[in-house]
């Protein structure tokens, strides 16, 4: 099964549970980013392509804000998780991929007394 076919089935299946804004947003992610990139890929090909997913994220980071990249990746990973649950693929290749490139050293929290 190709990604485009599975993604469209997933979108149709979840549409009734989504708000109008979320439904439209997911459709936009599919049409603008996910299907153009992954549409013709067989699902098992995506399962075996952890490094292709990493490369795609790097390319997205070159063109989009981090929040947009996180949104695209979140939708993609959700669809891939649905494929795992449907037993189309054995595991999610997105697991363990870090989307953000934040500088964690600069985020320091200081406890203050109450």
PDB file of N, CA and C in Angstrom:
ATOM      1  N   UNK A   1       0.845  -1.184   0.000  1.00  0.00           N
ATOM      2  CA  UNK A   1       0.000   0.000   0.000  1.00  0.00           C
ATOM      3  C   UNK A   1       0.885   1.241   0.000  1.00  0.00           C
ATOM      4  N   UNK A   2       0.515   2.216  -0.815  1.00  0.00           N
ATOM      5  CA  UNK A   2       1.251   3.477  -0.882  1.00  0.00           C
ATOM      6  C   UNK A   2       0.841   4.403   0.268  1.00  0.00           C
ATOM      7  N   UNK A   3       1.769   5.293   0.624  1.00  0.00           N
ATOM      8  CA  UNK A   3       1.486   6.250   1.692  1.00  0.00           C
ATOM      9  C   UNK A   3       0.250   7.082   1.361  1.00  0.00           C
ATOM     10  N   UNK A   4       0.134   7.572   0.137  1.00  0.00           N
ATOM     11  CA  UNK A   4      -1.003   8.423  -0.218  1.00  0.00           C
ATOM     12  C   UNK A   4      -2.327   7.708   0.028  1.00  0.00           C
ATOM     13  N   UNK A   5      -2.410   6.443  -0.365  1.00  0.00           N
ATOM     14  CA  UNK A   5      -3.648   5.686  -0.175  1.00  0.00           C
ATOM     15  C   UNK A   5      -3.964   5.510   1.310  1.00  0.00           C
ATOM     16  N   UNK A   6      -2.951   5.131   2.081  1.00  0.00           N
ATOM     17  CA  UNK A   6      -3.181   4.946   3.512  1.00  0.00           C
ATOM     18  C   UNK A   6      -3.538   6.272   4.181  1.00  0.00           C
ATOM     19  N   UNK A   7      -2.815   7.338   3.848  1.00  0.00           N
ATOM     20  CA  UNK A   7      -3.058   8.646   4.469  1.00  0.00           C
ATOM     21  C   UNK A   7      -4.467   9.144   4.172  1.00  0.00           C
ATOM     22  N   UNK A   8      -4.933   8.948   2.951  1.00  0.00           N
ATOM     23  CA  UNK A   8      -6.289   9.370   2.611  1.00  0.00           C
ATOM     24  C   UNK A   8      -7.330   8.540   3.356  1.00  0.00           C
ATOM     25  N   UNK A   9      -7.080   7.243   3.511  1.00  0.00           N
ATOM     26  CA  UNK A   9      -7.985   6.401   4.301  1.00  0.00           C
ATOM     27  C   UNK A   9      -7.999   6.856   5.759  1.00  0.00           C
ATOM     28  N   UNK A  10      -6.823   7.139   6.290  1.00  0.00           N
ATOM     29  CA  UNK A  10      -6.721   7.613   7.675  1.00  0.00           C
ATOM     30  C   UNK A  10      -7.502   8.912   7.844  1.00  0.00           C
ATOM     31  N   UNK A  11      -7.291   9.858   6.932  1.00  0.00           N
ATOM     32  CA  UNK A  11      -7.962  11.158   7.039  1.00  0.00           C
ATOM     33  C   UNK A  11      -9.477  10.986   6.995  1.00  0.00           C
ATOM     34  N   UNK A  12      -9.959  10.154   6.090  1.00  0.00           N
ATOM     35  CA  UNK A  12     -11.401   9.915   5.995  1.00  0.00           C
ATOM     36  C   UNK A  12     -11.936   9.268   7.274  1.00  0.00           C
ATOM     37  N   UNK A  13     -11.154   8.380   7.869  1.00  0.00           N
ATOM     38  CA  UNK A  13     -11.596   7.676   9.075  1.00  0.00           C
ATOM     39  C   UNK A  13     -11.667   8.587  10.292  1.00  0.00           C
ATOM     40  N   UNK A  14     -10.762   9.548  10.403  1.00  0.00           N
ATOM     41  CA  UNK A  14     -10.724  10.392  11.605  1.00  0.00           C
ATOM     42  C   UNK A  14     -11.473  11.709  11.447  1.00  0.00           C
ATOM     43  N   UNK A  15     -11.887  12.040  10.242  1.00  0.00           N
ATOM     44  CA  UNK A  15     -12.512  13.336   9.974  1.00  0.00           C
ATOM     45  C   UNK A  15     -13.685  13.625  10.899  1.00  0.00           C
ATOM     46  N   UNK A  16     -14.521  12.652  11.168  1.00  0.00           N
ATOM     47  CA  UNK A  16     -15.700  12.867  12.000  1.00  0.00           C
ATOM     48  C   UNK A  16     -15.388  13.214  13.444  1.00  0.00           C
ATOM     49  N   UNK A  17     -14.188  12.903  13.900  1.00  0.00           N
ATOM     50  CA  UNK A  17     -13.804  13.186  15.288  1.00  0.00           C
ATOM     51  C   UNK A  17     -13.006  14.475  15.422  1.00  0.00           C
ATOM     52  N   UNK A  18     -12.722  15.125  14.315  1.00  0.00           N
ATOM     53  CA  UNK A  18     -11.871  16.316  14.343  1.00  0.00           C
ATOM     54  C   UNK A  18     -12.694  17.586  14.250  1.00  0.00           C
ATOM     55  N   UNK A  19     -12.186  18.644  14.837  1.00  0.00           N
ATOM     56  CA  UNK A  19     -12.813  19.951  14.632  1.00  0.00           C
ATOM     57  C   UNK A  19     -12.592  20.350  13.176  1.00  0.00           C
ATOM     58  N   UNK A  20     -13.385  21.283  12.702  1.00  0.00           N
ATOM     59  CA  UNK A  20     -13.224  21.739  11.318  1.00  0.00           C
ATOM     60  C   UNK A  20     -11.817  22.265  11.072  1.00  0.00           C
ATOM     61  N   UNK A  21     -11.297  23.042  12.029  1.00  0.00           N
ATOM     62  CA  UNK A  21      -9.949  23.604  11.857  1.00  0.00           C
ATOM     63  C   UNK A  21      -8.890  22.513  11.754  1.00  0.00           C
ATOM     64  N   UNK A  22      -8.975  21.511  12.614  1.00  0.00           N
ATOM     65  CA  UNK A  22      -7.987  20.429  12.598  1.00  0.00           C
ATOM     66  C   UNK A  22      -8.103  19.611  11.321  1.00  0.00           C
ATOM     67  N   UNK A  23      -9.323  19.318  10.905  1.00  0.00           N
ATOM     68  CA  UNK A  23      -9.535  18.560   9.671  1.00  0.00           C
ATOM     69  C   UNK A  23      -8.917  19.279   8.481  1.00  0.00           C
ATOM     70  N   UNK A  24      -9.163  20.575   8.375  1.00  0.00           N
ATOM     71  CA  UNK A  24      -8.610  21.372   7.274  1.00  0.00           C
ATOM     72  C   UNK A  24      -7.090  21.447   7.380  1.00  0.00           C
ATOM     73  N   UNK A  25      -6.585  21.613   8.579  1.00  0.00           N
ATOM     74  CA  UNK A  25      -5.136  21.694   8.798  1.00  0.00           C
ATOM     75  C   UNK A  25      -4.458  20.396   8.365  1.00  0.00           C
ATOM     76  N   UNK A  26      -4.992  19.252   8.785  1.00  0.00           N
ATOM     77  CA  UNK A  26      -4.403  17.968   8.393  1.00  0.00           C
ATOM     78  C   UNK A  26      -4.456  17.777   6.878  1.00  0.00           C
ATOM     79  N   UNK A  27      -5.567  18.161   6.273  1.00  0.00           N
ATOM     80  CA  UNK A  27      -5.681  18.032   4.816  1.00  0.00           C
ATOM     81  C   UNK A  27      -4.628  18.889   4.127  1.00  0.00           C
ATOM     82  N   UNK A  28      -4.410  20.084   4.649  1.00  0.00           N
ATOM     83  CA  UNK A  28      -3.398  20.985   4.088  1.00  0.00           C
ATOM     84  C   UNK A  28      -2.002  20.375   4.241  1.00  0.00           C
ATOM     85  N   UNK A  29      -1.713  19.803   5.398  1.00  0.00           N
ATOM     86  CA  UNK A  29      -0.412  19.151   5.597  1.00  0.00           C
ATOM     87  C   UNK A  29      -0.228  18.019   4.597  1.00  0.00           C
ATOM     88  N   UNK A  30      -1.285  17.230   4.416  1.00  0.00           N
ATOM     89  CA  UNK A  30      -1.197  16.131   3.455  1.00  0.00           C
ATOM     90  C   UNK A  30      -0.945  16.654   2.045  1.00  0.00           C
ATOM     91  N   UNK A  31      -1.729  17.620   1.622  1.00  0.00           N
ATOM     92  CA  UNK A  31      -1.651  18.098   0.239  1.00  0.00           C
ATOM     93  C   UNK A  31      -0.391  18.891  -0.065  1.00  0.00           C
ATOM     94  N   UNK A  32       0.099  19.640   0.912  1.00  0.00           N
ATOM     95  CA  UNK A  32       1.250  20.520   0.644  1.00  0.00           C
ATOM     96  C   UNK A  32       2.601  19.888   0.937  1.00  0.00           C
ATOM     97  N   UNK A  33       2.653  18.972   1.882  1.00  0.00           N
ATOM     98  CA  UNK A  33       3.949  18.429   2.290  1.00  0.00           C
ATOM     99  C   UNK A  33       4.030  16.910   2.226  1.00  0.00           C
ATOM    100  N   UNK A  34       3.113  16.235   2.864  1.00  0.00           N
ATOM    101  CA  UNK A  34       3.271  14.800   3.073  1.00  0.00           C
ATOM    102  C   UNK A  34       3.073  13.978   1.805  1.00  0.00           C
ATOM    103  N   UNK A  35       1.996  14.218   1.077  1.00  0.00           N
ATOM    104  CA  UNK A  35       1.766  13.444  -0.143  1.00  0.00           C
ATOM    105  C   UNK A  35       2.773  13.791  -1.237  1.00  0.00           C
ATOM    106  N   UNK A  36       3.115  15.074  -1.451  1.00  0.00           N
ATOM    107  CA  UNK A  36       4.158  15.330  -2.456  1.00  0.00           C
ATOM    108  C   UNK A  36       5.478  14.617  -2.153  1.00  0.00           C
ATOM    109  N   UNK A  37       5.840  14.512  -0.883  1.00  0.00           N
ATOM    110  CA  UNK A  37       7.104  13.864  -0.516  1.00  0.00           C
ATOM    111  C   UNK A  37       6.974  12.347  -0.456  1.00  0.00           C
ATOM    112  N   UNK A  38       5.961  11.847   0.222  1.00  0.00           N
ATOM    113  CA  UNK A  38       5.878  10.426   0.549  1.00  0.00           C
ATOM    114  C   UNK A  38       4.795   9.664  -0.206  1.00  0.00           C
ATOM    115  N   UNK A  39       3.953  10.364  -0.965  1.00  0.00           N
ATOM    116  CA  UNK A  39       2.766   9.757  -1.564  1.00  0.00           C
ATOM    117  C   UNK A  39       2.980   8.463  -2.316  1.00  0.00           C
ATOM    118  N   UNK A  40       4.010   8.390  -3.141  1.00  0.00           N
ATOM    119  CA  UNK A  40       4.245   7.194  -3.951  1.00  0.00           C
ATOM    120  C   UNK A  40       5.043   6.114  -3.234  1.00  0.00           C
ATOM    121  N   UNK A  41       5.523   6.413  -2.049  1.00  0.00           N
ATOM    122  CA  UNK A  41       6.315   5.432  -1.300  1.00  0.00           C
ATOM    123  C   UNK A  41       5.410   4.322  -0.777  1.00  0.00           C
ATOM    124  N   UNK A  42       5.840   3.070  -0.900  1.00  0.00           N
ATOM    125  CA  UNK A  42       5.099   2.012  -0.209  1.00  0.00           C
ATOM    126  C   UNK A  42       5.303   2.167   1.296  1.00  0.00           C
ATOM    127  N   UNK A  43       4.302   1.826   2.055  1.00  0.00           N
ATOM    128  CA  UNK A  43       4.401   1.986   3.508  1.00  0.00           C
ATOM    129  C   UNK A  43       5.593   1.217   4.073  1.00  0.00           C
ATOM    130  N   UNK A  44       5.852   0.028   3.572  1.00  0.00           N
ATOM    131  CA  UNK A  44       6.987  -0.739   4.081  1.00  0.00           C
ATOM    132  C   UNK A  44       8.299  -0.052   3.717  1.00  0.00           C
ATOM    133  N   UNK A  45       8.314   0.696   2.623  1.00  0.00           N
ATOM    134  CA  UNK A  45       9.500   1.474   2.258  1.00  0.00           C
ATOM    135  C   UNK A  45       9.764   2.587   3.254  1.00  0.00           C
ATOM    136  N   UNK A  46       8.700   3.219   3.730  1.00  0.00           N
ATOM    137  CA  UNK A  46       8.852   4.257   4.754  1.00  0.00           C
ATOM    138  C   UNK A  46       9.346   3.626   6.053  1.00  0.00           C
ATOM    139  N   UNK A  47       8.811   2.466   6.384  1.00  0.00           N
ATOM    140  CA  UNK A  47       9.244   1.768   7.597  1.00  0.00           C
ATOM    141  C   UNK A  47      10.751   1.539   7.595  1.00  0.00           C
ATOM    142  N   UNK A  48      11.311   1.264   6.441  1.00  0.00           N
ATOM    143  CA  UNK A  48      12.742   0.970   6.318  1.00  0.00           C
ATOM    144  C   UNK A  48      13.587   2.205   6.027  1.00  0.00           C
ATOM    145  N   UNK A  49      13.045   3.412   6.215  1.00  0.00           N
ATOM    146  CA  UNK A  49      13.725   4.627   5.756  1.00  0.00           C
ATOM    147  C   UNK A  49      13.921   5.680   6.840  1.00  0.00           C
ATOM    148  N   UNK A  50      14.399   5.268   7.983  1.00  0.00           N
ATOM    149  CA  UNK A  50      14.633   6.199   9.089  1.00  0.00           C
ATOM    150  C   UNK A  50      15.497   7.388   8.643  1.00  0.00           C
ATOM    151  N   UNK A  51      16.568   7.125   7.911  1.00  0.00           N
ATOM    152  CA  UNK A  51      17.468   8.209   7.514  1.00  0.00           C
ATOM    153  C   UNK A  51      16.844   9.120   6.462  1.00  0.00           C
ATOM    154  N   UNK A  52      15.967   8.589   5.624  1.00  0.00           N
ATOM    155  CA  UNK A  52      15.242   9.438   4.674  1.00  0.00           C
ATOM    156  C   UNK A  52      14.317  10.395   5.419  1.00  0.00           C
ATOM    157  N   UNK A  53      13.724   9.934   6.491  1.00  0.00           N
ATOM    158  CA  UNK A  53      12.865  10.798   7.307  1.00  0.00           C
ATOM    159  C   UNK A  53      13.707  11.888   7.965  1.00  0.00           C
ATOM    160  N   UNK A  54      14.855  11.523   8.493  1.00  0.00           N
ATOM    161  CA  UNK A  54      15.769  12.513   9.090  1.00  0.00           C
ATOM    162  C   UNK A  54      16.179  13.564   8.058  1.00  0.00           C
ATOM    163  N   UNK A  55      16.515  13.128   6.848  1.00  0.00           N
ATOM    164  CA  UNK A  55      16.922  14.050   5.781  1.00  0.00           C
ATOM    165  C   UNK A  55      15.774  14.979   5.414  1.00  0.00           C
ATOM    166  N   UNK A  56      14.561  14.446   5.329  1.00  0.00           N
ATOM    167  CA  UNK A  56      13.382  15.252   5.029  1.00  0.00           C
ATOM    168  C   UNK A  56      13.186  16.336   6.085  1.00  0.00           C
ATOM    169  N   UNK A  57      13.346  15.973   7.353  1.00  0.00           N
ATOM    170  CA  UNK A  57      13.216  16.967   8.423  1.00  0.00           C
ATOM    171  C   UNK A  57      14.266  18.061   8.304  1.00  0.00           C
ATOM    172  N   UNK A  58      15.481  17.690   7.962  1.00  0.00           N
ATOM    173  CA  UNK A  58      16.536  18.689   7.764  1.00  0.00           C
ATOM    174  C   UNK A  58      16.157  19.643   6.640  1.00  0.00           C
ATOM    175  N   UNK A  59      15.626  19.108   5.549  1.00  0.00           N
ATOM    176  CA  UNK A  59      15.191  19.954   4.432  1.00  0.00           C
ATOM    177  C   UNK A  59      14.061  20.885   4.858  1.00  0.00           C
ATOM    178  N   UNK A  60      13.112  20.362   5.621  1.00  0.00           N
ATOM    179  CA  UNK A  60      12.022  21.206   6.108  1.00  0.00           C
ATOM    180  C   UNK A  60      12.549  22.329   6.990  1.00  0.00           C
ATOM    181  N   UNK A  61      13.520  22.021   7.847  1.00  0.00           N
ATOM    182  CA  UNK A  61      14.104  23.044   8.723  1.00  0.00           C
ATOM    183  C   UNK A  61      14.770  24.155   7.921  1.00  0.00           C
ATOM    184  N   UNK A  62      15.244  23.850   6.727  1.00  0.00           N
ATOM    185  CA  UNK A  62      15.859  24.876   5.880  1.00  0.00           C
ATOM    186  C   UNK A  62      14.830  25.850   5.318  1.00  0.00           C
ATOM    187  N   UNK A  63      13.572  25.407   5.209  1.00  0.00           N
ATOM    188  CA  UNK A  63      12.548  26.210   4.541  1.00  0.00           C
ATOM    189  C   UNK A  63      11.443  26.734   5.448  1.00  0.00           C
ATOM    190  N   UNK A  64      11.285  26.145   6.626  1.00  0.00           N
ATOM    191  CA  UNK A  64      10.142  26.477   7.473  1.00  0.00           C
ATOM    192  C   UNK A  64      10.573  26.731   8.912  1.00  0.00           C
ATOM    193  N   UNK A  65       9.717  27.411   9.631  1.00  0.00           N
ATOM    194  CA  UNK A  65       9.922  27.625  11.060  1.00  0.00           C
ATOM    195  C   UNK A  65       9.804  26.285  11.787  1.00  0.00           C
ATOM    196  N   UNK A  66      10.452  26.211  12.929  1.00  0.00           N
ATOM    197  CA  UNK A  66      10.455  24.969  13.701  1.00  0.00           C
ATOM    198  C   UNK A  66       9.047  24.508  14.062  1.00  0.00           C
ATOM    199  N   UNK A  67       8.161  25.438  14.358  1.00  0.00           N
ATOM    200  CA  UNK A  67       6.795  25.048  14.717  1.00  0.00           C
ATOM    201  C   UNK A  67       6.082  24.382  13.542  1.00  0.00           C
ATOM    202  N   UNK A  68       6.331  24.860  12.329  1.00  0.00           N
ATOM    203  CA  UNK A  68       5.732  24.239  11.145  1.00  0.00           C
ATOM    204  C   UNK A  68       6.304  22.853  10.914  1.00  0.00           C
ATOM    205  N   UNK A  69       7.616  22.726  11.064  1.00  0.00           N
ATOM    206  CA  UNK A  69       8.265  21.424  10.904  1.00  0.00           C
ATOM    207  C   UNK A  69       7.683  20.433  11.912  1.00  0.00           C
ATOM    208  N   UNK A  70       7.521  20.871  13.147  1.00  0.00           N
ATOM    209  CA  UNK A  70       6.961  19.999  14.182  1.00  0.00           C
ATOM    210  C   UNK A  70       5.531  19.589  13.836  1.00  0.00           C
ATOM    211  N   UNK A  71       4.759  20.498  13.268  1.00  0.00           N
ATOM    212  CA  UNK A  71       3.381  20.178  12.886  1.00  0.00           C
ATOM    213  C   UNK A  71       3.339  19.163  11.752  1.00  0.00           C
ATOM    214  N   UNK A  72       4.151  19.371  10.719  1.00  0.00           N
ATOM    215  CA  UNK A  72       4.205  18.421   9.601  1.00  0.00           C
ATOM    216  C   UNK A  72       4.640  17.045  10.095  1.00  0.00           C
ATOM    217  N   UNK A  73       5.695  17.033  10.907  1.00  0.00           N
ATOM    218  CA  UNK A  73       6.214  15.761  11.401  1.00  0.00           C
ATOM    219  C   UNK A  73       5.208  15.079  12.324  1.00  0.00           C
ATOM    220  N   UNK A  74       4.532  15.860  13.160  1.00  0.00           N
ATOM    221  CA  UNK A  74       3.531  15.289  14.055  1.00  0.00           C
ATOM    222  C   UNK A  74       2.410  14.604  13.294  1.00  0.00           C
ATOM    223  N   UNK A  75       1.937  15.238  12.247  1.00  0.00           N
ATOM    224  CA  UNK A  75       0.886  14.642  11.418  1.00  0.00           C
ATOM    225  C   UNK A  75       1.405  13.372  10.746  1.00  0.00           C
ATOM    226  N   UNK A  76       2.614  13.447  10.183  1.00  0.00           N
ATOM    227  CA  UNK A  76       3.226  12.293   9.523  1.00  0.00           C
ATOM    228  C   UNK A  76       3.364  11.130  10.501  1.00  0.00           C
ATOM    229  N   UNK A  77       3.904  11.390  11.672  1.00  0.00           N
ATOM    230  CA  UNK A  77       4.109  10.343  12.662  1.00  0.00           C
ATOM    231  C   UNK A  77       2.782   9.752  13.139  1.00  0.00           C
ATOM    232  N   UNK A  78       1.759  10.578  13.250  1.00  0.00           N
ATOM    233  CA  UNK A  78       0.432  10.094  13.637  1.00  0.00           C
ATOM    234  C   UNK A  78      -0.106   9.117  12.600  1.00  0.00           C
ATOM    235  N   UNK A  79       0.065   9.452  11.335  1.00  0.00           N
ATOM    236  CA  UNK A  79      -0.381   8.558  10.258  1.00  0.00           C
ATOM    237  C   UNK A  79       0.410   7.252  10.297  1.00  0.00           C
ATOM    238  N   UNK A  80       1.711   7.365  10.509  1.00  0.00           N
ATOM    239  CA  UNK A  80       2.545   6.167  10.574  1.00  0.00           C
ATOM    240  C   UNK A  80       2.154   5.317  11.788  1.00  0.00           C
ATOM    241  N   UNK A  81       1.840   5.945  12.910  1.00  0.00           N
ATOM    242  CA  UNK A  81       1.347   5.194  14.081  1.00  0.00           C
ATOM    243  C   UNK A  81       0.052   4.452  13.759  1.00  0.00           C
ATOM    244  N   UNK A  82      -0.823   5.100  12.999  1.00  0.00           N
ATOM    245  CA  UNK A  82      -2.066   4.439  12.590  1.00  0.00           C
ATOM    246  C   UNK A  82      -1.762   3.222  11.719  1.00  0.00           C
ATOM    247  N   UNK A  83      -0.736   3.322  10.890  1.00  0.00           N
ATOM    248  CA  UNK A  83      -0.338   2.180  10.054  1.00  0.00           C
ATOM    249  C   UNK A  83       0.187   1.031  10.909  1.00  0.00           C
ATOM    250  N   UNK A  84       0.874   1.361  11.988  1.00  0.00           N
ATOM    251  CA  UNK A  84       1.345   0.322  12.913  1.00  0.00           C
ATOM    252  C   UNK A  84       0.139  -0.355  13.570  1.00  0.00           C
ATOM    253  N   UNK A  85      -0.809   0.441  14.049  1.00  0.00           N
ATOM    254  CA  UNK A  85      -2.002  -0.116  14.695  1.00  0.00           C
ATOM    255  C   UNK A  85      -2.818  -0.968  13.728  1.00  0.00           C
ATOM    256  N   UNK A  86      -2.813  -0.580  12.445  1.00  0.00           N
ATOM    257  CA  UNK A  86      -3.540  -1.332  11.419  1.00  0.00           C
ATOM    258  C   UNK A  86      -2.735  -2.523  10.901  1.00  0.00           C
ATOM    259  N   UNK A  87      -1.550  -2.707  11.445  1.00  0.00           N
ATOM    260  CA  UNK A  87      -0.654  -3.806  11.071  1.00  0.00           C
ATOM    261  C   UNK A  87      -0.210  -3.747   9.611  1.00  0.00           C
ATOM    262  N   UNK A  88      -0.100  -2.527   9.111  1.00  0.00           N
ATOM    263  CA  UNK A  88       0.431  -2.322   7.764  1.00  0.00           C
ATOM    264  C   UNK A  88       1.954  -2.366   7.803  1.00  0.00           C
ATOM    265  N   UNK A  89       2.524  -1.826   8.874  1.00  0.00           N
ATOM    266  CA  UNK A  89       3.970  -1.875   9.111  1.00  0.00           C
ATOM    267  C   UNK A  89       4.198  -2.305  10.558  1.00  0.00           C
ATOM    268  N   UNK A  90       5.366  -2.882  10.851  1.00  0.00           N
ATOM    269  CA  UNK A  90       5.574  -3.428  12.196  1.00  0.00           C
ATOM    270  C   UNK A  90       5.926  -2.416  13.284  1.00  0.00           C
ATOM    271  N   UNK A  91       6.472  -1.262  12.916  1.00  0.00           N
ATOM    272  CA  UNK A  91       6.880  -0.272  13.920  1.00  0.00           C
ATOM    273  C   UNK A  91       6.954   1.095  13.258  1.00  0.00           C
ATOM    274  N   UNK A  92       6.993   2.134  14.083  1.00  0.00           N
ATOM    275  CA  UNK A  92       7.045   3.503  13.578  1.00  0.00           C
ATOM    276  C   UNK A  92       8.499   3.953  13.430  1.00  0.00           C
ATOM    277  N   UNK A  93       8.954   4.208  12.197  1.00  0.00           N
ATOM    278  CA  UNK A  93      10.330   4.656  11.992  1.00  0.00           C
ATOM    279  C   UNK A  93      10.579   6.071  12.504  1.00  0.00           C
ATOM    280  N   UNK A  94       9.531   6.783  12.882  1.00  0.00           N
ATOM    281  CA  UNK A  94       9.677   8.136  13.427  1.00  0.00           C
ATOM    282  C   UNK A  94      10.070   8.114  14.901  1.00  0.00           C
ATOM    283  N   UNK A  95       9.909   6.981  15.535  1.00  0.00           N
ATOM    284  CA  UNK A  95      10.239   6.881  16.959  1.00  0.00           C
ATOM    285  C   UNK A  95      11.695   7.245  17.188  1.00  0.00           C
ATOM    286  N   UNK A  96      11.905   8.100  18.160  1.00  0.00           N
ATOM    287  CA  UNK A  96      13.261   8.497  18.512  1.00  0.00           C
ATOM    288  C   UNK A  96      13.825   9.646  17.704  1.00  0.00           C
ATOM    289  N   UNK A  97      13.091  10.111  16.714  1.00  0.00           N
ATOM    290  CA  UNK A  97      13.569  11.248  15.926  1.00  0.00           C
ATOM    291  C   UNK A  97      13.212  12.529  16.662  1.00  0.00           C
ATOM    292  N   UNK A  98      14.185  13.366  16.844  1.00  0.00           N
ATOM    293  CA  UNK A  98      13.984  14.648  17.518  1.00  0.00           C
ATOM    294  C   UNK A  98      13.748  15.717  16.456  1.00  0.00           C
ATOM    295  N   UNK A  99      12.627  16.374  16.552  1.00  0.00           N
ATOM    296  CA  UNK A  99      12.250  17.379  15.558  1.00  0.00           C
ATOM    297  C   UNK A  99      12.887  18.720  15.864  1.00  0.00           C
ATOM    298  N   UNK A 100      12.902  19.081  17.124  1.00  0.00           N
ATOM    299  CA  UNK A 100      13.400  20.403  17.491  1.00  0.00           C
ATOM    300  C   UNK A 100      14.917  20.405  17.537  1.00  0.00           C
ATOM    301  N   UNK A 101      15.462  21.560  17.278  1.00  0.00           N
ATOM    302  CA  UNK A 101      16.909  21.710  17.350  1.00  0.00           C
ATOM    303  C   UNK A 101      17.296  22.652  18.460  1.00  0.00           C
ATOM    304  N   UNK A 102      16.418  22.764  19.457  1.00  0.00           N
ATOM    305  CA  UNK A 102      16.609  23.741  20.527  1.00  0.00           C
ATOM    306  C   UNK A 102      17.915  23.595  21.277  1.00  0.00           C
ATOM    307  N   UNK A 103      18.378  24.695  21.786  1.00  0.00           N
ATOM    308  CA  UNK A 103      19.595  24.723  22.590  1.00  0.00           C
ATOM    309  C   UNK A 103      19.198  24.459  24.034  1.00  0.00           C
ATOM    310  N   UNK A 104      19.269  23.208  24.441  1.00  0.00           N
ATOM    311  CA  UNK A 104      18.785  22.815  25.752  1.00  0.00           C
ATOM    312  C   UNK A 104      19.634  23.392  26.874  1.00  0.00           C
ATOM    313  N   UNK A 105      20.879  23.689  26.616  1.00  0.00           N
ATOM    314  CA  UNK A 105      21.750  24.270  27.645  1.00  0.00           C
ATOM    315  C   UNK A 105      21.260  25.651  28.076  1.00  0.00           C
ATOM    316  N   UNK A 106      20.670  26.386  27.140  1.00  0.00           N
ATOM    317  CA  UNK A 106      20.248  27.745  27.470  1.00  0.00           C
ATOM    318  C   UNK A 106      18.942  27.769  28.265  1.00  0.00           C
ATOM    319  N   UNK A 107      18.239  26.658  28.309  1.00  0.00           N
ATOM    320  CA  UNK A 107      16.984  26.600  29.042  1.00  0.00           C
ATOM    321  C   UNK A 107      17.260  26.107  30.451  1.00  0.00           C
ATOM    322  N   UNK A 108      17.490  27.028  31.337  1.00  0.00           N
ATOM    323  CA  UNK A 108      17.767  26.661  32.723  1.00  0.00           C
ATOM    324  C   UNK A 108      16.637  27.176  33.598  1.00  0.00           C
ATOM    325  N   UNK A 109      16.144  26.303  34.438  1.00  0.00           N
ATOM    326  CA  UNK A 109      15.078  26.666  35.343  1.00  0.00           C
ATOM    327  C   UNK A 109      15.654  26.747  36.750  1.00  0.00           C
ATOM    328  N   UNK A 110      15.292  27.779  37.429  1.00  0.00           N
ATOM    329  CA  UNK A 110      15.786  27.979  38.785  1.00  0.00           C
ATOM    330  C   UNK A 110      14.606  27.853  39.737  1.00  0.00           C
ATOM    331  N   UNK A 111      14.766  26.982  40.704  1.00  0.00           N
ATOM    332  CA  UNK A 111      13.714  26.817  41.703  1.00  0.00           C
ATOM    333  C   UNK A 111      13.744  28.008  42.648  1.00  0.00           C
ATOM    334  N   UNK A 112      12.580  28.518  42.937  1.00  0.00           N
ATOM    335  CA  UNK A 112      12.486  29.627  43.883  1.00  0.00           C
ATOM    336  C   UNK A 112      11.625  29.189  45.057  1.00  0.00           C
ATOM    337  N   UNK A 113      11.922  29.693  46.239  1.00  0.00           N
ATOM    338  CA  UNK A 113      11.115  29.309  47.404  1.00  0.00           C
ATOM    339  C   UNK A 113       9.702  29.852  47.277  1.00  0.00           C
ATOM    340  N   UNK A 114       8.777  29.131  47.849  1.00  0.00           N
ATOM    341  CA  UNK A 114       7.369  29.563  47.814  1.00  0.00           C
ATOM    342  C   UNK A 114       7.067  30.555  48.876  1.00  0.00           C
TER     343      UNK A 114
END
